[in-house]
Each structure stands twice: as C-alpha cells, then as structure tokens.
C-alpha cells in the first residue's frame, strides 16, 4: 500500500490544500481540495472514497470530481462512510439544489456514485489492503481510519479532539509505523479547539505521552498562519515517540 498526501492543511491560501490522501491509484481518503491536483486520468482511476466526515474541507472536491470523470467510468465511484455522513451528503449536497444527485445520474441503474455504509471497528478489505474506521471526537458523526498494508499499518486520526481510543488503538496495532494526527490550533486558541472538536498541543501532548515508542508521528490539519506556533509548542515537550513532524504535500508512505 502506497499513501500519497494530496492535501494536509486546515485551510487554503498560499498553495495550501485541504485533506486528501491517494492510496495506491484507486482509493481516496477524504476529498478535500488536494484532489484537484490530480490529472483527469488519475481521477478516473479512483474506484473508492473513504470519508471521515461531511465537513466541506473534506468533501469539497467530490462534486466536481464526479462531474469531470463520471461520464467515462465503467462503474460508480463507491463512497464509504458512516450512515449519518451518507445521509448528510444526500440531504444537503447531492439534492439537486447544490448539486445533482449523482447516485441517480445518468440513470439509477448506472450512476456515477454509489454509497457503502460502514461501521466503526469493522474492517473493509480492499484487494490485499484493509481500511477500518476508528472513533473520533468532532462534535458530529466523524471517524478516523486505520490503514493496513501487506507490510505495516498507518493510523489517521481524522478531525478530532482528545479521544482515548486513538492511542489505545495505536498501541494495540503491532505493525503500526505511522500516526497522522490533526492539531488545528495553537494553545492560545484552545477554547476554539475545544468547542469545535480539534486538538491543540495542550491536549495532544498528554495523549502522545502514552504512545508506544517506535511510531512516527505526523501533524496534519494545521490552520493557516498558525503552523509555526503549533509545531513549536509540540516540540517543547520530550516524548517517548520523539518529536512530531509536520506532514507535507506529496509525502509518501509505503506500507
């Protein structure tokens, strides 16, 4: 399994792109603005999309992606998400008001989009790869994902505040090499992080102190303009896992 970072910012501007990862050539994890960096050929090759939650920064590229390559597809793009997330997308996005209902376009028998509800903790096999939704604390239905390749695993927090299951799952995953975890705000904005369901260094560092050694920690979803302050605050405490590093676009993980 090869994971390529398409977008990893908590916002846009100055070349920043919001959350999206390309897994091998056929799976997307979230569909933020980073998807727009792909070629038409690359977009046409995507067969499955796993969505963490329905916030716009994580799904904004999905409607134009379907519009751009749907006509040439032999099968619908399969969207995997919690049932509540699927219901939100149906009711508020693919509703003919904001965007056509691509689960019925061009016909209900041969649509551009199909839905696959998933459950937290239930592994989804994907041709030698396994993707499992994990709990997240984001104030509305949301998940992270555990990605298992043939050699190793990577854990992605999704958007979340402190959640005991994140580190518990990390420590219980024997072949875990990487933890990608969001930290959206610096400590002076902790009140915003708390109310919006995000980490800041003050809440992440105690959790990382419980993480087993040997796991590389990567920070994602930093809000524009706050990146340096967030990373400096995270570097201020010695951790058993070592200092977290900022995730960057086009970074690649081989599992």
Protein backbone atom coordinates (compact mmCIF):
# COMPACT_ATOMS: atom_id res chain seq x y z
CA UNK A 1 0.00 0.00 0.00
CA UNK A 2 1.35 3.40 -1.00
CA UNK A 3 -0.22 6.52 0.51
CA UNK A 4 0.41 9.89 -1.10
CA UNK A 5 -0.50 13.13 0.64
CA UNK A 6 -2.53 15.34 -1.72
CA UNK A 7 -3.61 17.91 0.86
CA UNK A 8 -2.94 18.23 4.59
CA UNK A 9 -3.78 21.80 5.63
CA UNK A 10 -6.57 23.03 7.85
CA UNK A 11 -7.36 25.69 5.26
CA UNK A 12 -6.40 27.21 1.93
CA UNK A 13 -4.21 30.02 0.61
CA UNK A 14 -0.59 30.24 -0.46
CA UNK A 15 -0.60 26.78 -2.03
CA UNK A 16 -2.31 25.08 0.92
CA UNK A 17 -4.75 22.26 0.12
CA UNK A 18 -7.26 20.61 2.42
CA UNK A 19 -7.29 16.98 3.48
CA UNK A 20 -6.97 14.22 0.92
CA UNK A 21 -4.81 11.14 0.53
CA UNK A 22 -4.40 8.91 -2.53
CA UNK A 23 -3.97 5.23 -1.66
CA UNK A 24 -2.21 3.38 -4.45
CA UNK A 25 -4.01 4.54 -7.60
CA UNK A 26 -7.59 3.60 -6.80
CA UNK A 27 -8.62 4.81 -3.33
CA UNK A 28 -9.12 8.28 -1.90
CA UNK A 29 -9.18 9.03 1.80
CA UNK A 30 -11.23 12.24 2.05
CA UNK A 31 -11.82 14.53 -0.91
CA UNK A 32 -10.56 17.94 0.11
CA UNK A 33 -9.08 20.43 -2.32
CA UNK A 34 -5.92 18.34 -2.63
CA UNK A 35 -7.82 16.10 -5.07
CA UNK A 36 -7.78 18.93 -7.60
CA UNK A 37 -4.04 18.41 -8.04
CA UNK A 38 -4.68 15.07 -9.76
CA UNK A 39 -4.82 14.64 -13.52
CA UNK A 40 -8.05 13.58 -15.22
CA UNK A 41 -6.53 10.15 -15.76
CA UNK A 42 -5.69 9.82 -12.07
CA UNK A 43 -9.17 10.93 -11.03
CA UNK A 44 -10.77 8.49 -13.45
CA UNK A 45 -8.83 5.64 -11.83
CA UNK A 46 -10.31 6.19 -8.37
CA UNK A 47 -12.77 3.42 -7.51
CA UNK A 48 -13.39 4.02 -3.79
CA UNK A 49 -13.56 7.03 -1.48
CA UNK A 50 -13.44 6.76 2.32
CA UNK A 51 -14.81 9.88 4.02
CA UNK A 52 -14.06 10.83 7.63
CA UNK A 53 -16.98 13.27 7.95
CA UNK A 54 -19.13 15.62 5.90
CA UNK A 55 -17.44 18.97 6.53
CA UNK A 56 -16.72 20.86 3.33
CA UNK A 57 -12.94 20.90 3.66
CA UNK A 58 -13.01 17.09 3.48
CA UNK A 59 -15.51 16.61 0.63
CA UNK A 60 -15.38 19.79 -1.47
CA UNK A 61 -13.65 18.15 -4.45
CA UNK A 62 -16.11 15.26 -4.69
CA UNK A 63 -18.87 17.01 -6.70
CA UNK A 64 -16.55 18.39 -9.43
CA UNK A 65 -14.59 15.11 -9.49
CA UNK A 66 -17.76 13.19 -10.36
CA UNK A 67 -18.75 15.84 -12.88
CA UNK A 68 -15.32 15.71 -14.54
CA UNK A 69 -14.80 11.96 -14.91
CA UNK A 70 -18.18 10.33 -14.27
CA UNK A 71 -19.13 10.08 -17.93
CA UNK A 72 -16.15 7.87 -18.72
CA UNK A 73 -16.49 5.50 -15.79
CA UNK A 74 -17.39 1.84 -16.23
CA UNK A 75 -18.64 1.61 -12.63
CA UNK A 76 -19.74 4.12 -10.00
CA UNK A 77 -17.34 5.63 -7.50
CA UNK A 78 -18.12 3.91 -4.19
CA UNK A 79 -18.29 6.27 -1.20
CA UNK A 80 -17.63 4.59 2.16
CA UNK A 81 -18.76 6.50 5.26
CA UNK A 82 -20.86 6.33 8.39
CA UNK A 83 -24.60 6.11 7.61
CA UNK A 84 -25.12 9.54 9.20
CA UNK A 85 -22.48 11.06 6.92
CA UNK A 86 -24.08 9.50 3.86
CA UNK A 87 -27.47 10.86 4.93
CA UNK A 88 -25.97 14.35 5.28
CA UNK A 89 -24.44 14.23 1.80
CA UNK A 90 -27.71 13.03 0.30
CA UNK A 91 -29.84 15.63 2.06
CA UNK A 92 -27.60 18.68 1.81
CA UNK A 93 -25.23 18.22 -1.13
CA UNK A 94 -26.45 15.76 -3.76
CA UNK A 95 -30.00 17.08 -3.57
CA UNK A 96 -30.46 18.88 -6.92
CA UNK A 97 -30.21 22.24 -5.14
CA UNK A 98 -26.47 22.38 -4.50
CA UNK A 99 -25.51 19.58 -6.92
CA UNK A 100 -27.18 16.85 -8.99
CA UNK A 101 -27.93 13.54 -7.31
CA UNK A 102 -25.14 11.53 -8.91
CA UNK A 103 -26.46 8.35 -7.29
CA UNK A 104 -29.19 8.62 -9.98
CA UNK A 105 -27.25 10.27 -12.80
CA UNK A 106 -27.20 9.39 -15.63
CA UNK A 107 -29.62 6.63 -14.50
CA UNK A 108 -30.42 4.88 -11.24
CA UNK A 109 -29.13 1.63 -12.77
CA UNK A 110 -25.79 3.10 -13.88
CA UNK A 111 -24.99 6.04 -11.60
CA UNK A 112 -21.73 7.92 -11.16
CA UNK A 113 -21.85 7.43 -7.36
CA UNK A 114 -22.77 4.58 -5.02
CA UNK A 115 -22.88 4.54 -1.22
CA UNK A 116 -21.41 1.89 1.10
CA UNK A 117 -22.27 2.47 4.77
CA UNK A 118 -19.57 1.39 7.18
CA UNK A 119 -19.38 0.77 10.92
CA UNK A 120 -16.70 1.79 13.39
CA UNK A 121 -14.35 -1.13 14.01
CA UNK A 122 -15.48 -3.20 11.02
CA UNK A 123 -12.56 -3.86 8.61
CA UNK A 124 -13.22 -3.20 4.92
CA UNK A 125 -10.99 -5.42 2.72
CA UNK A 126 -9.65 -3.77 -0.43
CA UNK A 127 -7.62 -6.21 -2.57
CA UNK A 128 -4.89 -7.02 -0.06
CA UNK A 129 -5.42 -3.82 1.92
CA UNK A 130 -7.71 -3.27 4.90
CA UNK A 131 -9.32 0.00 5.97
CA UNK A 132 -11.04 0.23 9.35
CA UNK A 133 -12.95 3.21 10.73
CA UNK A 134 -11.96 4.30 14.25
CA UNK A 135 -13.82 6.61 16.65
CA UNK A 136 -13.23 10.36 16.55
CA UNK A 137 -14.44 13.23 18.73
CA UNK A 138 -15.51 16.02 16.43
CA UNK A 139 -18.93 17.05 17.75
CA UNK A 140 -20.85 15.32 14.96
CA UNK A 141 -20.53 11.92 13.22
CA UNK A 142 -16.85 11.51 12.33
CA UNK A 143 -14.18 8.82 12.17
CA UNK A 144 -10.50 8.31 11.56
CA UNK A 145 -9.05 5.31 9.73
CA UNK A 146 -6.58 2.50 10.38
CA UNK A 147 -4.88 1.59 7.09
CA UNK A 148 -3.26 -1.86 6.90
CA UNK A 149 -0.97 -2.77 4.04
CA UNK A 150 0.85 -6.04 3.42
CA UNK A 151 3.88 -4.90 5.45
CA UNK A 152 2.77 -2.29 8.00
CA UNK A 153 -0.05 -0.03 9.21
CA UNK A 154 -0.79 3.69 9.45
CA UNK A 155 -3.34 5.33 11.74
CA UNK A 156 -5.07 8.57 10.68
CA UNK A 157 -6.98 10.44 13.36
CA UNK A 158 -9.30 12.39 11.09
CA UNK A 159 -10.61 15.61 12.62
CA UNK A 160 -10.80 15.03 16.36
CA UNK A 161 -10.22 16.27 19.84
CA UNK A 162 -8.77 14.06 22.53
CA UNK A 163 -10.25 10.55 22.36
CA UNK A 164 -8.99 7.63 24.47
CA UNK A 165 -9.45 5.12 21.67
CA UNK A 166 -6.92 6.83 19.37
CA UNK A 167 -3.84 5.98 21.44
CA UNK A 168 -5.34 2.68 22.61
CA UNK A 169 -5.76 1.54 19.01
CA UNK A 170 -2.29 2.79 18.11
CA UNK A 171 -0.69 0.89 20.98
CA UNK A 172 -2.64 -2.28 20.14
CA UNK A 173 -1.60 -2.27 16.47
CA UNK A 174 1.58 -4.38 16.40
CA UNK A 175 2.77 -3.31 12.96
CA UNK A 176 1.94 0.40 13.30
CA UNK A 177 4.65 2.59 11.77
CA UNK A 178 2.95 5.97 11.44
CA UNK A 179 0.35 8.04 13.27
CA UNK A 180 -1.05 11.02 11.38
CA UNK A 181 -2.89 13.20 13.86
CA UNK A 182 -4.52 16.57 13.49
CA UNK A 183 -3.58 19.63 15.52
CA UNK A 184 -5.60 22.55 14.26
CA UNK A 185 -4.87 25.35 16.71
CA UNK A 186 -2.09 26.72 18.89
CA UNK A 187 -2.64 26.80 22.64
CA UNK A 188 -3.80 30.42 22.68
CA UNK A 189 -6.83 29.25 20.69
CA UNK A 190 -7.55 26.22 22.88
CA UNK A 191 -11.06 27.49 23.55
CA UNK A 192 -11.82 27.27 19.82
CA UNK A 193 -10.18 23.85 19.54
CA UNK A 194 -12.27 22.54 22.43
CA UNK A 195 -15.61 23.83 21.19
CA UNK A 196 -15.01 22.71 17.58
CA UNK A 197 -13.65 19.23 18.34
CA UNK A 198 -9.98 19.67 17.45
CA UNK A 199 -6.63 19.06 19.08
CA UNK A 200 -4.22 21.76 20.21
CA UNK A 201 -0.76 20.98 21.64
CA UNK A 202 -2.04 21.23 25.23
CA UNK A 203 -4.49 18.38 24.60
CA UNK A 204 -2.41 16.33 22.17
CA UNK A 205 0.84 16.15 24.15
CA UNK A 206 -0.65 14.22 27.12
CA UNK A 207 -2.10 11.70 24.66
CA UNK A 208 1.18 11.32 22.77
CA UNK A 209 2.98 10.75 26.07
CA UNK A 210 1.05 7.45 26.25
CA UNK A 211 2.01 6.34 22.72
CA UNK A 212 4.42 3.44 22.48
CA UNK A 213 7.93 4.17 21.15
CA UNK A 214 8.78 3.38 17.55
CA UNK A 215 5.81 5.11 15.92
CA UNK A 216 6.49 8.17 13.76
CA UNK A 217 4.03 10.98 14.50
CA UNK A 218 2.97 13.38 11.74
CA UNK A 219 0.88 16.51 12.32
CA UNK A 220 -1.86 17.47 9.88
CA UNK A 221 -4.74 19.96 9.57
CA UNK A 222 -2.77 22.94 10.93
CA UNK A 223 -4.76 26.13 10.43
CA UNK A 224 -3.16 28.67 8.05
CA UNK A 225 -0.88 31.12 9.81
CA UNK A 226 -0.61 29.04 12.96
CA UNK A 227 1.70 26.33 11.68
CA UNK A 228 4.95 27.56 13.24
CA UNK A 229 3.42 28.21 16.66
CA UNK A 230 1.72 24.81 16.73
CA UNK A 231 4.87 22.91 15.81
CA UNK A 232 6.99 24.90 18.29
CA UNK A 233 4.57 24.09 21.11
CA UNK A 234 4.58 20.41 20.15
CA UNK A 235 8.40 20.40 20.21
CA UNK A 236 8.53 21.88 23.70
CA UNK A 237 7.99 18.54 25.47
CA UNK A 238 10.14 15.40 25.15
CA UNK A 239 8.05 12.38 24.16
CA UNK A 240 8.81 8.63 24.12
CA UNK A 241 7.82 8.60 20.43
CA UNK A 242 10.11 11.52 19.60
CA UNK A 243 9.18 14.96 18.31
CA UNK A 244 6.18 15.11 15.95
CA UNK A 245 6.83 16.37 12.44
CA UNK A 246 4.57 18.35 10.12
CA UNK A 247 3.00 16.42 7.27
CA UNK A 248 3.75 17.89 3.83
CA UNK A 249 2.09 17.59 0.40
CA UNK A 250 3.39 14.77 -1.80
CA UNK A 251 4.81 12.92 1.18
CA UNK A 252 4.60 9.17 0.55
CA UNK A 253 4.19 6.25 2.96
CA UNK A 254 4.82 2.67 1.82
CA UNK A 255 3.11 0.02 3.94
